[in-house]
PDB file of N, CA and C in Angstrom:
ATOM      1  N   UNK A   1       0.796  -1.199   0.006  1.00  0.00           N
ATOM      2  CA  UNK A   1      -0.010   0.013  -0.020  1.00  0.00           C
ATOM      3  C   UNK A   1       0.874   1.266   0.003  1.00  0.00           C
ATOM      4  N   UNK A   2       2.060   1.122   0.509  1.00  0.00           N
ATOM      5  CA  UNK A   2       2.976   2.295   0.509  1.00  0.00           C
ATOM      6  C   UNK A   2       2.563   3.406   1.457  1.00  0.00           C
ATOM      7  N   UNK A   3       1.870   3.047   2.520  1.00  0.00           N
ATOM      8  CA  UNK A   3       1.449   4.067   3.473  1.00  0.00           C
ATOM      9  C   UNK A   3       1.346   3.525   4.857  1.00  0.00           C
ATOM     10  N   UNK A   4       1.315   4.349   5.786  1.00  0.00           N
ATOM     11  CA  UNK A   4       1.144   3.963   7.209  1.00  0.00           C
ATOM     12  C   UNK A   4      -0.305   3.608   7.423  1.00  0.00           C
ATOM     13  N   UNK A   5      -0.573   2.535   8.117  1.00  0.00           N
ATOM     14  CA  UNK A   5      -1.931   2.115   8.434  1.00  0.00           C
ATOM     15  C   UNK A   5      -2.064   2.063   9.967  1.00  0.00           C
ATOM     16  N   UNK A   6      -3.049   2.792  10.459  1.00  0.00           N
ATOM     17  CA  UNK A   6      -3.316   2.805  11.872  1.00  0.00           C
ATOM     18  C   UNK A   6      -4.595   2.001  12.103  1.00  0.00           C
ATOM     19  N   UNK A   7      -4.518   1.019  12.935  1.00  0.00           N
ATOM     20  CA  UNK A   7      -5.705   0.220  13.319  1.00  0.00           C
ATOM     21  C   UNK A   7      -6.263   0.785  14.575  1.00  0.00           C
ATOM     22  N   UNK A   8      -7.534   1.158  14.486  1.00  0.00           N
ATOM     23  CA  UNK A   8      -8.240   1.758  15.649  1.00  0.00           C
ATOM     24  C   UNK A   8      -9.383   0.868  15.991  1.00  0.00           C
ATOM     25  N   UNK A   9      -9.128  -0.166  16.809  1.00  0.00           N
ATOM     26  CA  UNK A   9     -10.185  -1.053  17.217  1.00  0.00           C
ATOM     27  C   UNK A   9     -11.192  -0.360  18.030  1.00  0.00           C
ATOM     28  N   UNK A  10     -12.493  -0.547  17.730  1.00  0.00           N
ATOM     29  CA  UNK A  10     -13.591   0.027  18.429  1.00  0.00           C
ATOM     30  C   UNK A  10     -14.508  -1.114  18.867  1.00  0.00           C
ATOM     31  N   UNK A  11     -14.145  -1.848  19.953  1.00  0.00           N
ATOM     32  CA  UNK A  11     -14.990  -2.954  20.333  1.00  0.00           C
ATOM     33  C   UNK A  11     -16.278  -2.485  21.047  1.00  0.00           C
ATOM     34  N   UNK A  12     -17.251  -3.343  21.037  1.00  0.00           N
ATOM     35  CA  UNK A  12     -18.486  -3.084  21.814  1.00  0.00           C
ATOM     36  C   UNK A  12     -19.656  -2.893  20.926  1.00  0.00           C
ATOM     37  N   UNK A  13     -20.835  -3.130  21.501  1.00  0.00           N
ATOM     38  CA  UNK A  13     -22.116  -2.951  20.877  1.00  0.00           C
ATOM     39  C   UNK A  13     -22.240  -3.708  19.584  1.00  0.00           C
ATOM     40  N   UNK A  14     -21.713  -4.892  19.513  1.00  0.00           N
ATOM     41  CA  UNK A  14     -21.831  -5.709  18.331  1.00  0.00           C
ATOM     42  C   UNK A  14     -21.307  -5.054  17.033  1.00  0.00           C
ATOM     43  N   UNK A  15     -20.259  -4.352  17.158  1.00  0.00           N
ATOM     44  CA  UNK A  15     -19.544  -3.611  16.090  1.00  0.00           C
ATOM     45  C   UNK A  15     -20.288  -2.386  15.624  1.00  0.00           C
ATOM     46  N   UNK A  16     -21.346  -2.022  16.268  1.00  0.00           N
ATOM     47  CA  UNK A  16     -22.123  -0.832  15.865  1.00  0.00           C
ATOM     48  C   UNK A  16     -21.299   0.455  16.169  1.00  0.00           C
ATOM     49  N   UNK A  17     -20.530   0.438  17.215  1.00  0.00           N
ATOM     50  CA  UNK A  17     -19.714   1.647  17.517  1.00  0.00           C
ATOM     51  C   UNK A  17     -18.706   1.922  16.391  1.00  0.00           C
ATOM     52  N   UNK A  18     -18.061   0.887  15.903  1.00  0.00           N
ATOM     53  CA  UNK A  18     -17.124   1.048  14.781  1.00  0.00           C
ATOM     54  C   UNK A  18     -17.803   1.513  13.536  1.00  0.00           C
ATOM     55  N   UNK A  19     -18.998   1.010  13.275  1.00  0.00           N
ATOM     56  CA  UNK A  19     -19.739   1.428  12.075  1.00  0.00           C
ATOM     57  C   UNK A  19     -20.158   2.912  12.193  1.00  0.00           C
ATOM     58  N   UNK A  20     -20.490   3.337  13.444  1.00  0.00           N
ATOM     59  CA  UNK A  20     -20.849   4.717  13.636  1.00  0.00           C
ATOM     60  C   UNK A  20     -19.610   5.689  13.439  1.00  0.00           C
ATOM     61  N   UNK A  21     -18.429   5.209  13.863  1.00  0.00           N
ATOM     62  CA  UNK A  21     -17.240   5.970  13.622  1.00  0.00           C
ATOM     63  C   UNK A  21     -17.033   6.182  12.123  1.00  0.00           C
ATOM     64  N   UNK A  22     -17.217   5.100  11.327  1.00  0.00           N
ATOM     65  CA  UNK A  22     -17.058   5.252   9.874  1.00  0.00           C
ATOM     66  C   UNK A  22     -18.103   6.215   9.328  1.00  0.00           C
ATOM     67  N   UNK A  23     -19.319   6.099   9.761  1.00  0.00           N
ATOM     68  CA  UNK A  23     -20.399   6.959   9.238  1.00  0.00           C
ATOM     69  C   UNK A  23     -20.052   8.410   9.484  1.00  0.00           C
ATOM     70  N   UNK A  24     -19.439   8.742  10.622  1.00  0.00           N
ATOM     71  CA  UNK A  24     -19.155  10.129  10.996  1.00  0.00           C
ATOM     72  C   UNK A  24     -17.781  10.619  10.525  1.00  0.00           C
ATOM     73  N   UNK A  25     -17.039   9.714   9.793  1.00  0.00           N
ATOM     74  CA  UNK A  25     -15.693  10.128   9.343  1.00  0.00           C
ATOM     75  C   UNK A  25     -15.766  10.910   8.085  1.00  0.00           C
ATOM     76  N   UNK A  26     -14.667  11.617   7.803  1.00  0.00           N
ATOM     77  CA  UNK A  26     -14.557  12.355   6.508  1.00  0.00           C
ATOM     78  C   UNK A  26     -14.390  11.304   5.383  1.00  0.00           C
ATOM     79  N   UNK A  27     -15.190  11.402   4.352  1.00  0.00           N
ATOM     80  CA  UNK A  27     -15.094  10.426   3.255  1.00  0.00           C
ATOM     81  C   UNK A  27     -13.846  10.692   2.355  1.00  0.00           C
ATOM     82  N   UNK A  28     -12.674  10.367   2.920  1.00  0.00           N
ATOM     83  CA  UNK A  28     -11.412  10.670   2.214  1.00  0.00           C
ATOM     84  C   UNK A  28     -10.678   9.416   1.723  1.00  0.00           C
ATOM     85  N   UNK A  29     -11.332   8.288   1.907  1.00  0.00           N
ATOM     86  CA  UNK A  29     -10.684   7.038   1.464  1.00  0.00           C
ATOM     87  C   UNK A  29      -9.689   6.497   2.440  1.00  0.00           C
ATOM     88  N   UNK A  30      -9.491   7.182   3.571  1.00  0.00           N
ATOM     89  CA  UNK A  30      -8.529   6.679   4.581  1.00  0.00           C
ATOM     90  C   UNK A  30      -9.154   5.946   5.719  1.00  0.00           C
ATOM     91  N   UNK A  31     -10.445   6.048   5.910  1.00  0.00           N
ATOM     92  CA  UNK A  31     -11.116   5.338   7.011  1.00  0.00           C
ATOM     93  C   UNK A  31     -12.021   4.270   6.413  1.00  0.00           C
ATOM     94  N   UNK A  32     -11.819   3.023   6.826  1.00  0.00           N
ATOM     95  CA  UNK A  32     -12.636   1.931   6.321  1.00  0.00           C
ATOM     96  C   UNK A  32     -13.081   1.093   7.511  1.00  0.00           C
ATOM     97  N   UNK A  33     -14.074   0.319   7.337  1.00  0.00           N
ATOM     98  CA  UNK A  33     -14.590  -0.592   8.312  1.00  0.00           C
ATOM     99  C   UNK A  33     -14.311  -2.024   7.845  1.00  0.00           C
ATOM    100  N   UNK A  34     -13.623  -2.745   8.668  1.00  0.00           N
ATOM    101  CA  UNK A  34     -13.337  -4.148   8.371  1.00  0.00           C
ATOM    102  C   UNK A  34     -14.105  -4.961   9.421  1.00  0.00           C
ATOM    103  N   UNK A  35     -15.179  -5.561   9.001  1.00  0.00           N
ATOM    104  CA  UNK A  35     -16.012  -6.300   9.961  1.00  0.00           C
ATOM    105  C   UNK A  35     -16.962  -7.217   9.169  1.00  0.00           C
ATOM    106  N   UNK A  36     -17.606  -8.116   9.856  1.00  0.00           N
ATOM    107  CA  UNK A  36     -18.700  -8.844   9.199  1.00  0.00           C
ATOM    108  C   UNK A  36     -19.731  -7.850   8.764  1.00  0.00           C
ATOM    109  N   UNK A  37     -20.578  -8.249   7.865  1.00  0.00           N
ATOM    110  CA  UNK A  37     -21.605  -7.305   7.343  1.00  0.00           C
ATOM    111  C   UNK A  37     -22.760  -7.075   8.316  1.00  0.00           C
ATOM    112  N   UNK A  38     -22.773  -7.847   9.357  1.00  0.00           N
ATOM    113  CA  UNK A  38     -23.901  -7.767  10.326  1.00  0.00           C
ATOM    114  C   UNK A  38     -24.206  -6.384  10.940  1.00  0.00           C
ATOM    115  N   UNK A  39     -23.226  -5.580  11.322  1.00  0.00           N
ATOM    116  CA  UNK A  39     -23.589  -4.316  11.878  1.00  0.00           C
ATOM    117  C   UNK A  39     -24.288  -3.380  10.904  1.00  0.00           C
ATOM    118  N   UNK A  40     -24.123  -3.681   9.638  1.00  0.00           N
ATOM    119  CA  UNK A  40     -24.727  -2.847   8.596  1.00  0.00           C
ATOM    120  C   UNK A  40     -26.066  -3.394   8.110  1.00  0.00           C
ATOM    121  N   UNK A  41     -26.184  -4.752   8.071  1.00  0.00           N
ATOM    122  CA  UNK A  41     -27.385  -5.350   7.580  1.00  0.00           C
ATOM    123  C   UNK A  41     -28.331  -5.841   8.631  1.00  0.00           C
ATOM    124  N   UNK A  42     -27.842  -6.424   9.690  1.00  0.00           N
ATOM    125  CA  UNK A  42     -28.676  -7.062  10.733  1.00  0.00           C
ATOM    126  C   UNK A  42     -29.059  -6.056  11.853  1.00  0.00           C
ATOM    127  N   UNK A  43     -28.065  -5.335  12.333  1.00  0.00           N
ATOM    128  CA  UNK A  43     -28.309  -4.432  13.447  1.00  0.00           C
ATOM    129  C   UNK A  43     -29.484  -3.421  13.195  1.00  0.00           C
ATOM    130  N   UNK A  44     -29.567  -2.781  12.075  1.00  0.00           N
ATOM    131  CA  UNK A  44     -30.667  -1.893  11.878  1.00  0.00           C
ATOM    132  C   UNK A  44     -32.041  -2.552  11.954  1.00  0.00           C
ATOM    133  N   UNK A  45     -32.093  -3.808  11.733  1.00  0.00           N
ATOM    134  CA  UNK A  45     -33.332  -4.548  11.785  1.00  0.00           C
ATOM    135  C   UNK A  45     -33.783  -4.919  13.193  1.00  0.00           C
ATOM    136  N   UNK A  46     -32.862  -5.021  14.119  1.00  0.00           N
ATOM    137  CA  UNK A  46     -33.215  -5.490  15.461  1.00  0.00           C
ATOM    138  C   UNK A  46     -32.992  -4.501  16.585  1.00  0.00           C
ATOM    139  N   UNK A  47     -32.362  -3.334  16.285  1.00  0.00           N
ATOM    140  CA  UNK A  47     -32.171  -2.315  17.291  1.00  0.00           C
ATOM    141  C   UNK A  47     -32.953  -1.062  16.958  1.00  0.00           C
ATOM    142  N   UNK A  48     -33.448  -0.450  18.003  1.00  0.00           N
ATOM    143  CA  UNK A  48     -34.121   0.812  17.876  1.00  0.00           C
ATOM    144  C   UNK A  48     -33.075   1.963  18.002  1.00  0.00           C
ATOM    145  N   UNK A  49     -33.394   3.136  17.560  1.00  0.00           N
ATOM    146  CA  UNK A  49     -32.517   4.309  17.772  1.00  0.00           C
ATOM    147  C   UNK A  49     -31.121   4.119  17.214  1.00  0.00           C
ATOM    148  N   UNK A  50     -31.062   3.541  16.003  1.00  0.00           N
ATOM    149  CA  UNK A  50     -29.743   3.426  15.339  1.00  0.00           C
ATOM    150  C   UNK A  50     -29.302   4.792  14.915  1.00  0.00           C
ATOM    151  N   UNK A  51     -27.980   5.055  14.976  1.00  0.00           N
ATOM    152  CA  UNK A  51     -27.463   6.339  14.555  1.00  0.00           C
ATOM    153  C   UNK A  51     -26.949   6.329  13.122  1.00  0.00           C
ATOM    154  N   UNK A  52     -27.217   5.189  12.444  1.00  0.00           N
ATOM    155  CA  UNK A  52     -26.818   5.080  11.036  1.00  0.00           C
ATOM    156  C   UNK A  52     -27.851   4.170  10.390  1.00  0.00           C
ATOM    157  N   UNK A  53     -27.793   4.189   9.026  1.00  0.00           N
ATOM    158  CA  UNK A  53     -28.687   3.309   8.244  1.00  0.00           C
ATOM    159  C   UNK A  53     -27.853   2.560   7.216  1.00  0.00           C
ATOM    160  N   UNK A  54     -28.375   1.608   6.619  1.00  0.00           N
ATOM    161  CA  UNK A  54     -27.675   0.803   5.590  1.00  0.00           C
ATOM    162  C   UNK A  54     -27.228   1.713   4.460  1.00  0.00           C
ATOM    163  N   UNK A  55     -28.026   2.664   4.121  1.00  0.00           N
ATOM    164  CA  UNK A  55     -27.681   3.587   2.994  1.00  0.00           C
ATOM    165  C   UNK A  55     -26.440   4.397   3.299  1.00  0.00           C
ATOM    166  N   UNK A  56     -25.979   4.462   4.545  1.00  0.00           N
ATOM    167  CA  UNK A  56     -24.797   5.277   4.902  1.00  0.00           C
ATOM    168  C   UNK A  56     -23.470   4.598   4.458  1.00  0.00           C
ATOM    169  N   UNK A  57     -23.563   3.338   4.005  1.00  0.00           N
ATOM    170  CA  UNK A  57     -22.362   2.575   3.687  1.00  0.00           C
ATOM    171  C   UNK A  57     -22.448   1.973   2.323  1.00  0.00           C
ATOM    172  N   UNK A  58     -21.223   1.772   1.740  1.00  0.00           N
ATOM    173  CA  UNK A  58     -21.125   1.164   0.439  1.00  0.00           C
ATOM    174  C   UNK A  58     -20.138  -0.011   0.612  1.00  0.00           C
ATOM    175  N   UNK A  59     -20.585  -1.254   0.410  1.00  0.00           N
ATOM    176  CA  UNK A  59     -19.664  -2.396   0.473  1.00  0.00           C
ATOM    177  C   UNK A  59     -18.678  -2.286  -0.691  1.00  0.00           C
ATOM    178  N   UNK A  60     -17.392  -2.509  -0.411  1.00  0.00           N
ATOM    179  CA  UNK A  60     -16.356  -2.394  -1.411  1.00  0.00           C
ATOM    180  C   UNK A  60     -15.953  -3.772  -1.948  1.00  0.00           C
ATOM    181  N   UNK A  61     -15.695  -4.740  -1.053  1.00  0.00           N
ATOM    182  CA  UNK A  61     -15.240  -6.038  -1.534  1.00  0.00           C
ATOM    183  C   UNK A  61     -15.418  -7.048  -0.424  1.00  0.00           C
ATOM    184  N   UNK A  62     -15.493  -8.303  -0.794  1.00  0.00           N
ATOM    185  CA  UNK A  62     -15.436  -9.377   0.189  1.00  0.00           C
ATOM    186  C   UNK A  62     -13.972  -9.583   0.603  1.00  0.00           C
ATOM    187  N   UNK A  63     -13.741  -9.788   1.852  1.00  0.00           N
ATOM    188  CA  UNK A  63     -12.349  -9.961   2.341  1.00  0.00           C
ATOM    189  C   UNK A  63     -12.094 -11.439   2.622  1.00  0.00           C
ATOM    190  N   UNK A  64     -13.092 -12.114   3.093  1.00  0.00           N
ATOM    191  CA  UNK A  64     -12.914 -13.524   3.482  1.00  0.00           C
ATOM    192  C   UNK A  64     -14.218 -14.281   3.224  1.00  0.00           C
ATOM    193  N   UNK A  65     -14.081 -15.523   2.913  1.00  0.00           N
ATOM    194  CA  UNK A  65     -15.224 -16.437   2.825  1.00  0.00           C
ATOM    195  C   UNK A  65     -14.958 -17.558   3.738  1.00  0.00           C
ATOM    196  N   UNK A  66     -16.014 -18.006   4.439  1.00  0.00           N
ATOM    197  CA  UNK A  66     -15.814 -19.093   5.360  1.00  0.00           C
ATOM    198  C   UNK A  66     -16.990 -20.094   5.231  1.00  0.00           C
ATOM    199  N   UNK A  67     -16.712 -21.329   5.511  1.00  0.00           N
ATOM    200  CA  UNK A  67     -17.828 -22.324   5.425  1.00  0.00           C
ATOM    201  C   UNK A  67     -18.844 -21.986   6.482  1.00  0.00           C
ATOM    202  N   UNK A  68     -20.086 -22.229   6.081  1.00  0.00           N
ATOM    203  CA  UNK A  68     -21.203 -21.918   6.969  1.00  0.00           C
ATOM    204  C   UNK A  68     -22.206 -23.101   6.814  1.00  0.00           C
ATOM    205  N   UNK A  69     -22.494 -23.776   7.843  1.00  0.00           N
ATOM    206  CA  UNK A  69     -23.275 -25.005   7.751  1.00  0.00           C
ATOM    207  C   UNK A  69     -24.566 -24.932   8.532  1.00  0.00           C
ATOM    208  N   UNK A  70     -25.347 -25.977   8.411  1.00  0.00           N
ATOM    209  CA  UNK A  70     -26.588 -26.165   9.171  1.00  0.00           C
ATOM    210  C   UNK A  70     -26.398 -27.439   9.998  1.00  0.00           C
ATOM    211  N   UNK A  71     -26.784 -27.358  11.286  1.00  0.00           N
ATOM    212  CA  UNK A  71     -26.654 -28.519  12.184  1.00  0.00           C
ATOM    213  C   UNK A  71     -27.960 -28.717  12.906  1.00  0.00           C
ATOM    214  N   UNK A  72     -28.173 -29.952  13.303  1.00  0.00           N
ATOM    215  CA  UNK A  72     -29.294 -30.320  14.152  1.00  0.00           C
ATOM    216  C   UNK A  72     -28.782 -31.164  15.322  1.00  0.00           C
ATOM    217  N   UNK A  73     -29.599 -31.311  16.340  1.00  0.00           N
ATOM    218  CA  UNK A  73     -29.167 -32.224  17.440  1.00  0.00           C
ATOM    219  C   UNK A  73     -29.007 -33.598  16.887  1.00  0.00           C
ATOM    220  N   UNK A  74     -28.088 -34.365  17.439  1.00  0.00           N
ATOM    221  CA  UNK A  74     -27.834 -35.695  16.959  1.00  0.00           C
ATOM    222  C   UNK A  74     -29.076 -36.595  17.075  1.00  0.00           C
ATOM    223  N   UNK A  75     -29.955 -36.277  18.047  1.00  0.00           N
ATOM    224  CA  UNK A  75     -31.167 -37.084  18.211  1.00  0.00           C
ATOM    225  C   UNK A  75     -32.316 -36.623  17.334  1.00  0.00           C
ATOM    226  N   UNK A  76     -32.130 -35.640  16.522  1.00  0.00           N
ATOM    227  CA  UNK A  76     -33.175 -35.078  15.648  1.00  0.00           C
ATOM    228  C   UNK A  76     -33.612 -36.101  14.675  1.00  0.00           C
ATOM    229  N   UNK A  77     -34.943 -36.177  14.383  1.00  0.00           N
ATOM    230  CA  UNK A  77     -35.385 -37.086  13.347  1.00  0.00           C
ATOM    231  C   UNK A  77     -35.109 -36.572  11.928  1.00  0.00           C
ATOM    232  N   UNK A  78     -34.670 -35.337  11.797  1.00  0.00           N
ATOM    233  CA  UNK A  78     -34.405 -34.682  10.546  1.00  0.00           C
ATOM    234  C   UNK A  78     -32.924 -34.771  10.235  1.00  0.00           C
ATOM    235  N   UNK A  79     -32.597 -35.457   9.123  1.00  0.00           N
ATOM    236  CA  UNK A  79     -31.172 -35.712   8.765  1.00  0.00           C
ATOM    237  C   UNK A  79     -30.728 -34.990   7.496  1.00  0.00           C
ATOM    238  N   UNK A  80     -31.701 -34.393   6.763  1.00  0.00           N
ATOM    239  CA  UNK A  80     -31.311 -33.721   5.564  1.00  0.00           C
ATOM    240  C   UNK A  80     -31.974 -32.355   5.528  1.00  0.00           C
ATOM    241  N   UNK A  81     -31.460 -31.496   4.696  1.00  0.00           N
ATOM    242  CA  UNK A  81     -32.024 -30.138   4.520  1.00  0.00           C
ATOM    243  C   UNK A  81     -33.452 -30.236   4.029  1.00  0.00           C
ATOM    244  N   UNK A  82     -33.714 -31.158   3.107  1.00  0.00           N
ATOM    245  CA  UNK A  82     -35.077 -31.341   2.597  1.00  0.00           C
ATOM    246  C   UNK A  82     -36.046 -31.698   3.744  1.00  0.00           C
ATOM    247  N   UNK A  83     -35.599 -32.584   4.635  1.00  0.00           N
ATOM    248  CA  UNK A  83     -36.481 -32.941   5.768  1.00  0.00           C
ATOM    249  C   UNK A  83     -36.703 -31.748   6.713  1.00  0.00           C
ATOM    250  N   UNK A  84     -35.737 -30.984   6.925  1.00  0.00           N
ATOM    251  CA  UNK A  84     -35.904 -29.775   7.763  1.00  0.00           C
ATOM    252  C   UNK A  84     -36.868 -28.780   7.135  1.00  0.00           C
ATOM    253  N   UNK A  85     -36.635 -28.565   5.839  1.00  0.00           N
ATOM    254  CA  UNK A  85     -37.535 -27.627   5.081  1.00  0.00           C
ATOM    255  C   UNK A  85     -38.947 -28.064   5.084  1.00  0.00           C
ATOM    256  N   UNK A  86     -39.189 -29.386   4.854  1.00  0.00           N
ATOM    257  CA  UNK A  86     -40.566 -29.918   4.852  1.00  0.00           C
ATOM    258  C   UNK A  86     -41.175 -29.746   6.188  1.00  0.00           C
ATOM    259  N   UNK A  87     -40.460 -30.066   7.254  1.00  0.00           N
ATOM    260  CA  UNK A  87     -40.977 -29.920   8.609  1.00  0.00           C
ATOM    261  C   UNK A  87     -41.353 -28.478   8.923  1.00  0.00           C
ATOM    262  N   UNK A  88     -40.525 -27.539   8.479  1.00  0.00           N
ATOM    263  CA  UNK A  88     -40.810 -26.117   8.789  1.00  0.00           C
ATOM    264  C   UNK A  88     -41.988 -25.594   7.949  1.00  0.00           C
ATOM    265  N   UNK A  89     -42.245 -26.185   6.771  1.00  0.00           N
ATOM    266  CA  UNK A  89     -43.392 -25.798   5.989  1.00  0.00           C
ATOM    267  C   UNK A  89     -44.642 -26.385   6.597  1.00  0.00           C
ATOM    268  N   UNK A  90     -44.554 -27.566   7.156  1.00  0.00           N
ATOM    269  CA  UNK A  90     -45.748 -28.222   7.722  1.00  0.00           C
ATOM    270  C   UNK A  90     -46.119 -27.593   9.051  1.00  0.00           C
ATOM    271  N   UNK A  91     -45.157 -27.153   9.845  1.00  0.00           N
ATOM    272  CA  UNK A  91     -45.385 -26.537  11.123  1.00  0.00           C
ATOM    273  C   UNK A  91     -44.533 -25.294  11.225  1.00  0.00           C
ATOM    274  N   UNK A  92     -44.882 -24.171  10.549  1.00  0.00           N
ATOM    275  CA  UNK A  92     -44.034 -22.948  10.562  1.00  0.00           C
ATOM    276  C   UNK A  92     -43.798 -22.407  11.944  1.00  0.00           C
ATOM    277  N   UNK A  93     -44.673 -22.618  12.913  1.00  0.00           N
ATOM    278  CA  UNK A  93     -44.458 -22.057  14.250  1.00  0.00           C
ATOM    279  C   UNK A  93     -43.277 -22.653  14.958  1.00  0.00           C
ATOM    280  N   UNK A  94     -42.793 -23.788  14.468  1.00  0.00           N
ATOM    281  CA  UNK A  94     -41.631 -24.417  15.090  1.00  0.00           C
ATOM    282  C   UNK A  94     -40.297 -24.065  14.460  1.00  0.00           C
ATOM    283  N   UNK A  95     -40.352 -23.300  13.384  1.00  0.00           N
ATOM    284  CA  UNK A  95     -39.152 -22.980  12.638  1.00  0.00           C
ATOM    285  C   UNK A  95     -38.334 -21.975  13.456  1.00  0.00           C
ATOM    286  N   UNK A  96     -37.065 -22.186  13.575  1.00  0.00           N
ATOM    287  CA  UNK A  96     -36.178 -21.248  14.290  1.00  0.00           C
ATOM    288  C   UNK A  96     -34.764 -21.435  13.721  1.00  0.00           C
ATOM    289  N   UNK A  97     -33.999 -20.392  13.855  1.00  0.00           N
ATOM    290  CA  UNK A  97     -32.605 -20.458  13.458  1.00  0.00           C
ATOM    291  C   UNK A  97     -31.773 -19.538  14.352  1.00  0.00           C
ATOM    292  N   UNK A  98     -30.534 -19.856  14.384  1.00  0.00           N
ATOM    293  CA  UNK A  98     -29.635 -19.051  15.229  1.00  0.00           C
ATOM    294  C   UNK A  98     -28.297 -18.819  14.465  1.00  0.00           C
ATOM    295  N   UNK A  99     -27.863 -17.598  14.443  1.00  0.00           N
ATOM    296  CA  UNK A  99     -26.631 -17.261  13.784  1.00  0.00           C
ATOM    297  C   UNK A  99     -25.589 -17.015  14.885  1.00  0.00           C
ATOM    298  N   UNK A 100     -24.625 -17.932  15.030  1.00  0.00           N
ATOM    299  CA  UNK A 100     -23.714 -17.889  16.134  1.00  0.00           C
ATOM    300  C   UNK A 100     -22.836 -16.682  16.151  1.00  0.00           C
ATOM    301  N   UNK A 101     -22.402 -16.148  14.996  1.00  0.00           N
ATOM    302  CA  UNK A 101     -21.445 -15.055  14.949  1.00  0.00           C
ATOM    303  C   UNK A 101     -22.017 -13.810  15.567  1.00  0.00           C
ATOM    304  N   UNK A 102     -23.163 -13.350  15.061  1.00  0.00           N
ATOM    305  CA  UNK A 102     -23.692 -12.100  15.523  1.00  0.00           C
ATOM    306  C   UNK A 102     -24.335 -12.230  16.876  1.00  0.00           C
ATOM    307  N   UNK A 103     -25.076 -13.285  17.107  1.00  0.00           N
ATOM    308  CA  UNK A 103     -25.751 -13.384  18.396  1.00  0.00           C
ATOM    309  C   UNK A 103     -24.830 -13.613  19.580  1.00  0.00           C
ATOM    310  N   UNK A 104     -23.579 -14.100  19.308  1.00  0.00           N
ATOM    311  CA  UNK A 104     -22.622 -14.273  20.361  1.00  0.00           C
ATOM    312  C   UNK A 104     -22.113 -12.889  20.861  1.00  0.00           C
ATOM    313  N   UNK A 105     -22.311 -11.864  20.101  1.00  0.00           N
ATOM    314  CA  UNK A 105     -21.873 -10.559  20.489  1.00  0.00           C
ATOM    315  C   UNK A 105     -23.083  -9.656  20.837  1.00  0.00           C
ATOM    316  N   UNK A 106     -24.227 -10.287  20.933  1.00  0.00           N
ATOM    317  CA  UNK A 106     -25.476  -9.527  21.045  1.00  0.00           C
ATOM    318  C   UNK A 106     -26.163  -9.912  22.312  1.00  0.00           C
ATOM    319  N   UNK A 107     -26.052  -9.108  23.357  1.00  0.00           N
ATOM    320  CA  UNK A 107     -26.694  -9.425  24.622  1.00  0.00           C
ATOM    321  C   UNK A 107     -28.185  -9.401  24.559  1.00  0.00           C
ATOM    322  N   UNK A 108     -28.736  -8.618  23.685  1.00  0.00           N
ATOM    323  CA  UNK A 108     -30.190  -8.534  23.671  1.00  0.00           C
ATOM    324  C   UNK A 108     -30.902  -9.698  23.048  1.00  0.00           C
ATOM    325  N   UNK A 109     -30.289 -10.358  22.111  1.00  0.00           N
ATOM    326  CA  UNK A 109     -30.862 -11.518  21.478  1.00  0.00           C
ATOM    327  C   UNK A 109     -29.923 -12.697  21.674  1.00  0.00           C
ATOM    328  N   UNK A 110     -30.207 -13.541  22.632  1.00  0.00           N
ATOM    329  CA  UNK A 110     -29.369 -14.673  22.959  1.00  0.00           C
ATOM    330  C   UNK A 110     -29.474 -15.805  21.933  1.00  0.00           C
ATOM    331  N   UNK A 111     -28.475 -16.578  21.866  1.00  0.00           N
ATOM    332  CA  UNK A 111     -28.428 -17.728  20.930  1.00  0.00           C
ATOM    333  C   UNK A 111     -29.245 -18.866  21.615  1.00  0.00           C
ATOM    334  N   UNK A 112     -30.511 -18.734  21.628  1.00  0.00           N
ATOM    335  CA  UNK A 112     -31.370 -19.696  22.351  1.00  0.00           C
ATOM    336  C   UNK A 112     -32.490 -20.189  21.428  1.00  0.00           C
ATOM    337  N   UNK A 113     -32.180 -20.757  20.304  1.00  0.00           N
ATOM    338  CA  UNK A 113     -33.220 -21.261  19.426  1.00  0.00           C
ATOM    339  C   UNK A 113     -33.781 -22.520  20.035  1.00  0.00           C
ATOM    340  N   UNK A 114     -35.041 -22.437  20.531  1.00  0.00           N
ATOM    341  CA  UNK A 114     -35.732 -23.596  21.067  1.00  0.00           C
ATOM    342  C   UNK A 114     -36.820 -24.025  20.121  1.00  0.00           C
ATOM    343  N   UNK A 115     -36.837 -25.318  19.773  1.00  0.00           N
ATOM    344  CA  UNK A 115     -37.916 -25.820  18.970  1.00  0.00           C
ATOM    345  C   UNK A 115     -38.499 -27.021  19.716  1.00  0.00           C
ATOM    346  N   UNK A 116     -39.724 -27.010  19.959  1.00  0.00           N
ATOM    347  CA  UNK A 116     -40.392 -28.043  20.789  1.00  0.00           C
ATOM    348  C   UNK A 116     -40.316 -29.396  20.089  1.00  0.00           C
ATOM    349  N   UNK A 117     -40.200 -29.453  18.803  1.00  0.00           N
ATOM    350  CA  UNK A 117     -40.124 -30.753  18.115  1.00  0.00           C
ATOM    351  C   UNK A 117     -38.733 -31.284  18.042  1.00  0.00           C
ATOM    352  N   UNK A 118     -37.735 -30.615  18.592  1.00  0.00           N
ATOM    353  CA  UNK A 118     -36.373 -31.144  18.599  1.00  0.00           C
ATOM    354  C   UNK A 118     -35.613 -30.970  17.309  1.00  0.00           C
ATOM    355  N   UNK A 119     -35.983 -30.035  16.424  1.00  0.00           N
ATOM    356  CA  UNK A 119     -35.250 -29.855  15.204  1.00  0.00           C
ATOM    357  C   UNK A 119     -33.842 -29.350  15.469  1.00  0.00           C
ATOM    358  N   UNK A 120     -33.677 -28.450  16.354  1.00  0.00           N
ATOM    359  CA  UNK A 120     -32.342 -27.954  16.702  1.00  0.00           C
ATOM    360  C   UNK A 120     -31.938 -28.409  18.053  1.00  0.00           C
TER     361      UNK A 120
END
């Protein structure tokens, strides 16, 4: 890059503080946000009184890709994605999902997906 890079970690609030710093920065190409996309896409959907909106940011590039899978309890009667999808269509009230990355940093919404039928 041929320049000095200063890393200014802004932990807390599920990365919303860092996103707010970017929103309020001078748009000079020197301040960027390196984070999962969650504070820009998910946070505005689940938090009230956000100080930024999705339209305040422009994604530039993907930095990393990682495997992301679906799991069920080992005792679950559902062993394939088709079986899970069919069960959720037959009984939509039992459908639930949990995203470990964002919810692990999110005190307001715990990673507590409970399904009475034992899907998860």
